[in-house]
Amino acid sequence: MHTLAAGGSASWIFTVVGVLIVVALLVLLWTSRRRLARRPNPPQTPQPRQDSWEEPDDPKP
Protein backbone atom coordinates (compact mmCIF):
# COMPACT_ATOMS: atom_id res chain seq x y z
CA MET A 1 0.00 0.00 0.00
CA HIS A 2 1.30 3.50 -0.90
CA THR A 3 0.96 6.55 1.31
CA LEU A 4 -0.40 9.54 -0.61
CA ALA A 5 -0.28 12.13 2.22
CA ALA A 6 2.61 14.54 2.69
CA GLY A 7 5.42 13.47 4.95
CA GLY A 8 5.45 14.54 8.59
CA SER A 9 8.16 17.17 8.19
CA ALA A 10 6.46 19.03 5.35
CA SER A 11 2.86 18.91 6.57
CA TRP A 12 3.40 21.32 9.48
CA ILE A 13 5.00 23.83 7.10
CA PHE A 14 1.88 23.81 4.90
CA THR A 15 -0.29 24.22 7.99
CA VAL A 16 1.73 27.23 9.19
CA VAL A 17 1.68 28.82 5.73
CA GLY A 18 -2.09 28.29 5.49
CA VAL A 19 -2.69 29.85 8.90
CA LEU A 20 -0.48 32.83 7.99
CA ILE A 21 -2.42 33.38 4.75
CA VAL A 22 -5.74 33.31 6.60
CA VAL A 23 -4.44 35.74 9.23
CA ALA A 24 -3.13 38.09 6.53
CA LEU A 25 -6.50 38.07 4.73
CA LEU A 26 -8.35 38.81 7.97
CA VAL A 27 -6.00 41.72 8.75
CA LEU A 28 -6.51 43.15 5.24
CA LEU A 29 -10.29 42.87 5.64
CA TRP A 30 -10.18 44.57 9.04
CA THR A 31 -7.99 47.45 7.87
CA SER A 32 -10.06 48.05 4.73
CA ARG A 33 -13.26 48.21 6.80
CA ARG A 34 -11.65 50.74 9.15
CA ARG A 35 -10.46 52.83 6.19
CA LEU A 36 -13.94 52.82 4.65
CA ALA A 37 -15.51 53.80 7.97
CA ARG A 38 -13.23 56.88 8.19
CA ARG A 39 -14.11 58.04 4.66
CA PRO A 40 -16.33 61.17 4.71
CA ASN A 41 -19.89 60.88 3.47
CA PRO A 42 -20.67 62.34 0.04
CA PRO A 43 -22.27 65.80 0.07
CA GLN A 44 -26.05 65.76 0.51
CA THR A 45 -26.68 69.02 -1.37
CA PRO A 46 -27.09 68.96 -5.16
CA GLN A 47 -23.81 69.46 -6.96
CA PRO A 48 -23.42 71.52 -10.15
CA ARG A 49 -23.72 69.39 -13.29
CA GLN A 50 -24.26 66.26 -11.22
CA ASP A 51 -26.52 64.60 -13.78
CA SER A 52 -25.07 66.08 -16.96
CA TRP A 53 -23.45 63.98 -19.65
CA GLU A 54 -22.46 66.89 -21.85
CA GLU A 55 -19.16 68.68 -21.88
CA PRO A 56 -19.18 72.31 -20.72
CA ASP A 57 -18.53 73.52 -24.30
CA ASP A 58 -21.46 71.62 -25.86
CA PRO A 59 -24.27 73.87 -27.15
CA LYS A 60 -27.63 73.67 -25.38
CA PRO A 61 -30.43 72.08 -27.44
PDB file of N, CA and C in Angstrom:
ATOM      1  N   MET A   1       0.850  -1.184   0.000  1.00  0.00           N
ATOM      2  CA  MET A   1       0.000   0.000   0.000  1.00  0.00           C
ATOM      3  C   MET A   1       0.889   1.240   0.000  1.00  0.00           C
ATOM      4  N   HIS A   2       0.524   2.263  -0.788  1.00  0.00           N
ATOM      5  CA  HIS A   2       1.302   3.495  -0.904  1.00  0.00           C
ATOM      6  C   HIS A   2       0.641   4.589  -0.088  1.00  0.00           C
ATOM      7  N   THR A   3       1.466   5.402   0.555  1.00  0.00           N
ATOM      8  CA  THR A   3       0.962   6.548   1.315  1.00  0.00           C
ATOM      9  C   THR A   3       0.926   7.758   0.384  1.00  0.00           C
ATOM     10  N   LEU A   4      -0.249   8.399   0.285  1.00  0.00           N
ATOM     11  CA  LEU A   4      -0.403   9.540  -0.614  1.00  0.00           C
ATOM     12  C   LEU A   4      -0.318  10.873   0.129  1.00  0.00           C
ATOM     13  N   ALA A   5      -0.334  10.889   1.443  1.00  0.00           N
ATOM     14  CA  ALA A   5      -0.276  12.133   2.217  1.00  0.00           C
ATOM     15  C   ALA A   5       1.155  12.642   2.265  1.00  0.00           C
ATOM     16  N   ALA A   6       1.279  13.933   2.575  1.00  0.00           N
ATOM     17  CA  ALA A   6       2.607  14.537   2.688  1.00  0.00           C
ATOM     18  C   ALA A   6       3.325  13.959   3.903  1.00  0.00           C
ATOM     19  N   GLY A   7       4.625  13.963   3.847  1.00  0.00           N
ATOM     20  CA  GLY A   7       5.416  13.466   4.954  1.00  0.00           C
ATOM     21  C   GLY A   7       5.264  14.329   6.191  1.00  0.00           C
ATOM     22  N   GLY A   8       5.637  13.824   7.336  1.00  0.00           N
ATOM     23  CA  GLY A   8       5.455  14.536   8.591  1.00  0.00           C
ATOM     24  C   GLY A   8       6.205  15.845   8.673  1.00  0.00           C
ATOM     25  N   SER A   9       7.371  15.948   8.076  1.00  0.00           N
ATOM     26  CA  SER A   9       8.156  17.169   8.193  1.00  0.00           C
ATOM     27  C   SER A   9       7.599  18.298   7.337  1.00  0.00           C
ATOM     28  N   ALA A  10       6.965  17.983   6.234  1.00  0.00           N
ATOM     29  CA  ALA A  10       6.458  19.031   5.345  1.00  0.00           C
ATOM     30  C   ALA A  10       5.038  19.445   5.691  1.00  0.00           C
ATOM     31  N   SER A  11       4.266  18.589   6.325  1.00  0.00           N
ATOM     32  CA  SER A  11       2.861  18.910   6.570  1.00  0.00           C
ATOM     33  C   SER A  11       2.691  20.073   7.539  1.00  0.00           C
ATOM     34  N   TRP A  12       3.545  20.206   8.538  1.00  0.00           N
ATOM     35  CA  TRP A  12       3.400  21.319   9.483  1.00  0.00           C
ATOM     36  C   TRP A  12       3.759  22.640   8.816  1.00  0.00           C
ATOM     37  N   ILE A  13       4.647  22.608   7.822  1.00  0.00           N
ATOM     38  CA  ILE A  13       4.999  23.829   7.099  1.00  0.00           C
ATOM     39  C   ILE A  13       3.796  24.338   6.309  1.00  0.00           C
ATOM     40  N   PHE A  14       3.082  23.419   5.641  1.00  0.00           N
ATOM     41  CA  PHE A  14       1.883  23.807   4.898  1.00  0.00           C
ATOM     42  C   PHE A  14       0.804  24.331   5.839  1.00  0.00           C
ATOM     43  N   THR A  15       0.690  23.755   7.007  1.00  0.00           N
ATOM     44  CA  THR A  15      -0.288  24.219   7.990  1.00  0.00           C
ATOM     45  C   THR A  15       0.047  25.635   8.455  1.00  0.00           C
ATOM     46  N   VAL A  16       1.311  25.900   8.745  1.00  0.00           N
ATOM     47  CA  VAL A  16       1.728  27.226   9.188  1.00  0.00           C
ATOM     48  C   VAL A  16       1.525  28.248   8.077  1.00  0.00           C
ATOM     49  N   VAL A  17       1.868  27.901   6.850  1.00  0.00           N
ATOM     50  CA  VAL A  17       1.679  28.821   5.728  1.00  0.00           C
ATOM     51  C   VAL A  17       0.191  29.101   5.520  1.00  0.00           C
ATOM     52  N   GLY A  18      -0.644  28.096   5.624  1.00  0.00           N
ATOM     53  CA  GLY A  18      -2.086  28.287   5.489  1.00  0.00           C
ATOM     54  C   GLY A  18      -2.648  29.192   6.566  1.00  0.00           C
ATOM     55  N   VAL A  19      -2.216  29.005   7.793  1.00  0.00           N
ATOM     56  CA  VAL A  19      -2.686  29.854   8.895  1.00  0.00           C
ATOM     57  C   VAL A  19      -2.214  31.290   8.689  1.00  0.00           C
ATOM     58  N   LEU A  20      -0.988  31.485   8.237  1.00  0.00           N
ATOM     59  CA  LEU A  20      -0.484  32.834   7.988  1.00  0.00           C
ATOM     60  C   LEU A  20      -1.257  33.524   6.872  1.00  0.00           C
ATOM     61  N   ILE A  21      -1.632  32.786   5.839  1.00  0.00           N
ATOM     62  CA  ILE A  21      -2.416  33.381   4.755  1.00  0.00           C
ATOM     63  C   ILE A  21      -3.785  33.804   5.254  1.00  0.00           C
ATOM     64  N   VAL A  22      -4.428  32.967   6.057  1.00  0.00           N
ATOM     65  CA  VAL A  22      -5.745  33.312   6.601  1.00  0.00           C
ATOM     66  C   VAL A  22      -5.647  34.529   7.507  1.00  0.00           C
ATOM     67  N   VAL A  23      -4.624  34.589   8.350  1.00  0.00           N
ATOM     68  CA  VAL A  23      -4.442  35.743   9.233  1.00  0.00           C
ATOM     69  C   VAL A  23      -4.199  37.010   8.416  1.00  0.00           C
ATOM     70  N   ALA A  24      -3.394  36.920   7.367  1.00  0.00           N
ATOM     71  CA  ALA A  24      -3.126  38.087   6.527  1.00  0.00           C
ATOM     72  C   ALA A  24      -4.401  38.578   5.845  1.00  0.00           C
ATOM     73  N   LEU A  25      -5.241  37.665   5.364  1.00  0.00           N
ATOM     74  CA  LEU A  25      -6.495  38.069   4.730  1.00  0.00           C
ATOM     75  C   LEU A  25      -7.445  38.721   5.735  1.00  0.00           C
ATOM     76  N   LEU A  26      -7.494  38.201   6.949  1.00  0.00           N
ATOM     77  CA  LEU A  26      -8.346  38.807   7.974  1.00  0.00           C
ATOM     78  C   LEU A  26      -7.856  40.204   8.355  1.00  0.00           C
ATOM     79  N   VAL A  27      -6.547  40.402   8.434  1.00  0.00           N
ATOM     80  CA  VAL A  27      -5.998  41.720   8.745  1.00  0.00           C
ATOM     81  C   VAL A  27      -6.311  42.703   7.613  1.00  0.00           C
ATOM     82  N   LEU A  28      -6.185  42.274   6.375  1.00  0.00           N
ATOM     83  CA  LEU A  28      -6.514  43.150   5.245  1.00  0.00           C
ATOM     84  C   LEU A  28      -7.994  43.529   5.256  1.00  0.00           C
ATOM     85  N   LEU A  29      -8.862  42.585   5.556  1.00  0.00           N
ATOM     86  CA  LEU A  29     -10.289  42.873   5.635  1.00  0.00           C
ATOM     87  C   LEU A  29     -10.575  43.877   6.740  1.00  0.00           C
ATOM     88  N   TRP A  30      -9.959  43.685   7.895  1.00  0.00           N
ATOM     89  CA  TRP A  30     -10.179  44.570   9.041  1.00  0.00           C
ATOM     90  C   TRP A  30      -9.691  45.987   8.746  1.00  0.00           C
ATOM     91  N   THR A  31      -8.511  46.111   8.147  1.00  0.00           N
ATOM     92  CA  THR A  31      -7.987  47.451   7.866  1.00  0.00           C
ATOM     93  C   THR A  31      -8.784  48.150   6.768  1.00  0.00           C
ATOM     94  N   SER A  32      -9.267  47.403   5.771  1.00  0.00           N
ATOM     95  CA  SER A  32     -10.065  48.049   4.726  1.00  0.00           C
ATOM     96  C   SER A  32     -11.406  48.516   5.274  1.00  0.00           C
ATOM     97  N   ARG A  33     -11.999  47.774   6.183  1.00  0.00           N
ATOM     98  CA  ARG A  33     -13.258  48.214   6.799  1.00  0.00           C
ATOM     99  C   ARG A  33     -13.043  49.469   7.640  1.00  0.00           C
ATOM    100  N   ARG A  34     -11.935  49.538   8.357  1.00  0.00           N
ATOM    101  CA  ARG A  34     -11.647  50.739   9.155  1.00  0.00           C
ATOM    102  C   ARG A  34     -11.421  51.935   8.244  1.00  0.00           C
ATOM    103  N   ARG A  35     -10.722  51.741   7.125  1.00  0.00           N
ATOM    104  CA  ARG A  35     -10.457  52.825   6.186  1.00  0.00           C
ATOM    105  C   ARG A  35     -11.763  53.326   5.560  1.00  0.00           C
ATOM    106  N   LEU A  36     -12.666  52.412   5.219  1.00  0.00           N
ATOM    107  CA  LEU A  36     -13.942  52.815   4.651  1.00  0.00           C
ATOM    108  C   LEU A  36     -14.808  53.535   5.678  1.00  0.00           C
ATOM    109  N   ALA A  37     -14.719  53.157   6.934  1.00  0.00           N
ATOM    110  CA  ALA A  37     -15.515  53.802   7.972  1.00  0.00           C
ATOM    111  C   ALA A  37     -15.048  55.241   8.213  1.00  0.00           C
ATOM    112  N   ARG A  38     -13.766  55.527   7.982  1.00  0.00           N
ATOM    113  CA  ARG A  38     -13.234  56.879   8.186  1.00  0.00           C
ATOM    114  C   ARG A  38     -13.469  57.793   6.992  1.00  0.00           C
ATOM    115  N   ARG A  39     -13.891  57.243   5.862  1.00  0.00           N
ATOM    116  CA  ARG A  39     -14.112  58.040   4.661  1.00  0.00           C
ATOM    117  C   ARG A  39     -15.316  58.959   4.881  1.00  0.00           C
ATOM    118  N   PRO A  40     -15.199  60.245   4.507  1.00  0.00           N
ATOM    119  CA  PRO A  40     -16.333  61.165   4.714  1.00  0.00           C
ATOM    120  C   PRO A  40     -17.500  60.811   3.793  1.00  0.00           C
ATOM    121  N   ASN A  41     -18.693  61.119   4.271  1.00  0.00           N
ATOM    122  CA  ASN A  41     -19.890  60.876   3.475  1.00  0.00           C
ATOM    123  C   ASN A  41     -19.927  61.835   2.286  1.00  0.00           C
ATOM    124  N   PRO A  42     -20.551  61.426   1.187  1.00  0.00           N
ATOM    125  CA  PRO A  42     -20.668  62.340   0.045  1.00  0.00           C
ATOM    126  C   PRO A  42     -21.592  63.505   0.396  1.00  0.00           C
ATOM    127  N   PRO A  43     -21.428  64.642  -0.254  1.00  0.00           N
ATOM    128  CA  PRO A  43     -22.265  65.799   0.068  1.00  0.00           C
ATOM    129  C   PRO A  43     -23.740  65.510  -0.229  1.00  0.00           C
ATOM    130  N   GLN A  44     -24.622  66.017   0.650  1.00  0.00           N
ATOM    131  CA  GLN A  44     -26.046  65.763   0.506  1.00  0.00           C
ATOM    132  C   GLN A  44     -26.746  66.830  -0.325  1.00  0.00           C
ATOM    133  N   THR A  45     -26.082  67.957  -0.559  1.00  0.00           N
ATOM    134  CA  THR A  45     -26.678  69.017  -1.366  1.00  0.00           C
ATOM    135  C   THR A  45     -26.434  68.726  -2.839  1.00  0.00           C
ATOM    136  N   PRO A  46     -27.312  69.183  -3.727  1.00  0.00           N
ATOM    137  CA  PRO A  46     -27.086  68.963  -5.163  1.00  0.00           C
ATOM    138  C   PRO A  46     -25.803  69.644  -5.627  1.00  0.00           C
ATOM    139  N   GLN A  47     -25.075  68.951  -6.445  1.00  0.00           N
ATOM    140  CA  GLN A  47     -23.812  69.460  -6.964  1.00  0.00           C
ATOM    141  C   GLN A  47     -24.030  69.987  -8.373  1.00  0.00           C
ATOM    142  N   PRO A  48     -23.262  71.000  -8.791  1.00  0.00           N
ATOM    143  CA  PRO A  48     -23.418  71.518 -10.146  1.00  0.00           C
ATOM    144  C   PRO A  48     -23.073  70.432 -11.173  1.00  0.00           C
ATOM    145  N   ARG A  49     -23.911  70.333 -12.185  1.00  0.00           N
ATOM    146  CA  ARG A  49     -23.719  69.390 -13.289  1.00  0.00           C
ATOM    147  C   ARG A  49     -23.649  67.945 -12.810  1.00  0.00           C
ATOM    148  N   GLN A  50     -24.367  67.612 -11.748  1.00  0.00           N
ATOM    149  CA  GLN A  50     -24.255  66.257 -11.217  1.00  0.00           C
ATOM    150  C   GLN A  50     -24.878  65.198 -12.123  1.00  0.00           C
ATOM    151  N   ASP A  51     -25.894  65.589 -12.917  1.00  0.00           N
ATOM    152  CA  ASP A  51     -26.515  64.599 -13.782  1.00  0.00           C
ATOM    153  C   ASP A  51     -26.359  64.967 -15.255  1.00  0.00           C
ATOM    154  N   SER A  52     -25.300  65.647 -15.583  1.00  0.00           N
ATOM    155  CA  SER A  52     -25.067  66.077 -16.957  1.00  0.00           C
ATOM    156  C   SER A  52     -24.065  65.154 -17.623  1.00  0.00           C
ATOM    157  N   TRP A  53     -24.359  64.804 -18.868  1.00  0.00           N
ATOM    158  CA  TRP A  53     -23.453  63.979 -19.646  1.00  0.00           C
ATOM    159  C   TRP A  53     -22.738  64.792 -20.710  1.00  0.00           C
ATOM    160  N   GLU A  54     -23.093  66.068 -20.844  1.00  0.00           N
ATOM    161  CA  GLU A  54     -22.464  66.886 -21.854  1.00  0.00           C
ATOM    162  C   GLU A  54     -21.199  67.554 -21.323  1.00  0.00           C
ATOM    163  N   GLU A  55     -20.335  67.899 -22.227  1.00  0.00           N
ATOM    164  CA  GLU A  55     -19.159  68.677 -21.882  1.00  0.00           C
ATOM    165  C   GLU A  55     -19.570  70.128 -21.686  1.00  0.00           C
ATOM    166  N   PRO A  56     -18.806  70.905 -20.932  1.00  0.00           N
ATOM    167  CA  PRO A  56     -19.178  72.310 -20.717  1.00  0.00           C
ATOM    168  C   PRO A  56     -19.267  73.129 -22.003  1.00  0.00           C
ATOM    169  N   ASP A  57     -18.533  72.772 -23.061  1.00  0.00           N
ATOM    170  CA  ASP A  57     -18.530  73.521 -24.303  1.00  0.00           C
ATOM    171  C   ASP A  57     -19.642  73.124 -25.266  1.00  0.00           C
ATOM    172  N   ASP A  58     -20.383  72.055 -24.974  1.00  0.00           N
ATOM    173  CA  ASP A  58     -21.465  71.625 -25.862  1.00  0.00           C
ATOM    174  C   ASP A  58     -22.599  72.650 -25.873  1.00  0.00           C
ATOM    175  N   PRO A  59     -23.150  72.916 -27.081  1.00  0.00           N
ATOM    176  CA  PRO A  59     -24.268  73.870 -27.146  1.00  0.00           C
ATOM    177  C   PRO A  59     -25.532  73.265 -26.542  1.00  0.00           C
ATOM    178  N   LYS A  60     -26.353  74.111 -25.974  1.00  0.00           N
ATOM    179  CA  LYS A  60     -27.628  73.671 -25.382  1.00  0.00           C
ATOM    180  C   LYS A  60     -28.623  73.386 -26.512  1.00  0.00           C
ATOM    181  N   PRO A  61     -29.462  72.363 -26.375  1.00  0.00           N
ATOM    182  CA  PRO A  61     -30.435  72.084 -27.444  1.00  0.00           C
ATOM    183  C   PRO A  61     -31.578  73.075 -27.452  1.00  0.00           C
TER     184      PRO A  61
END
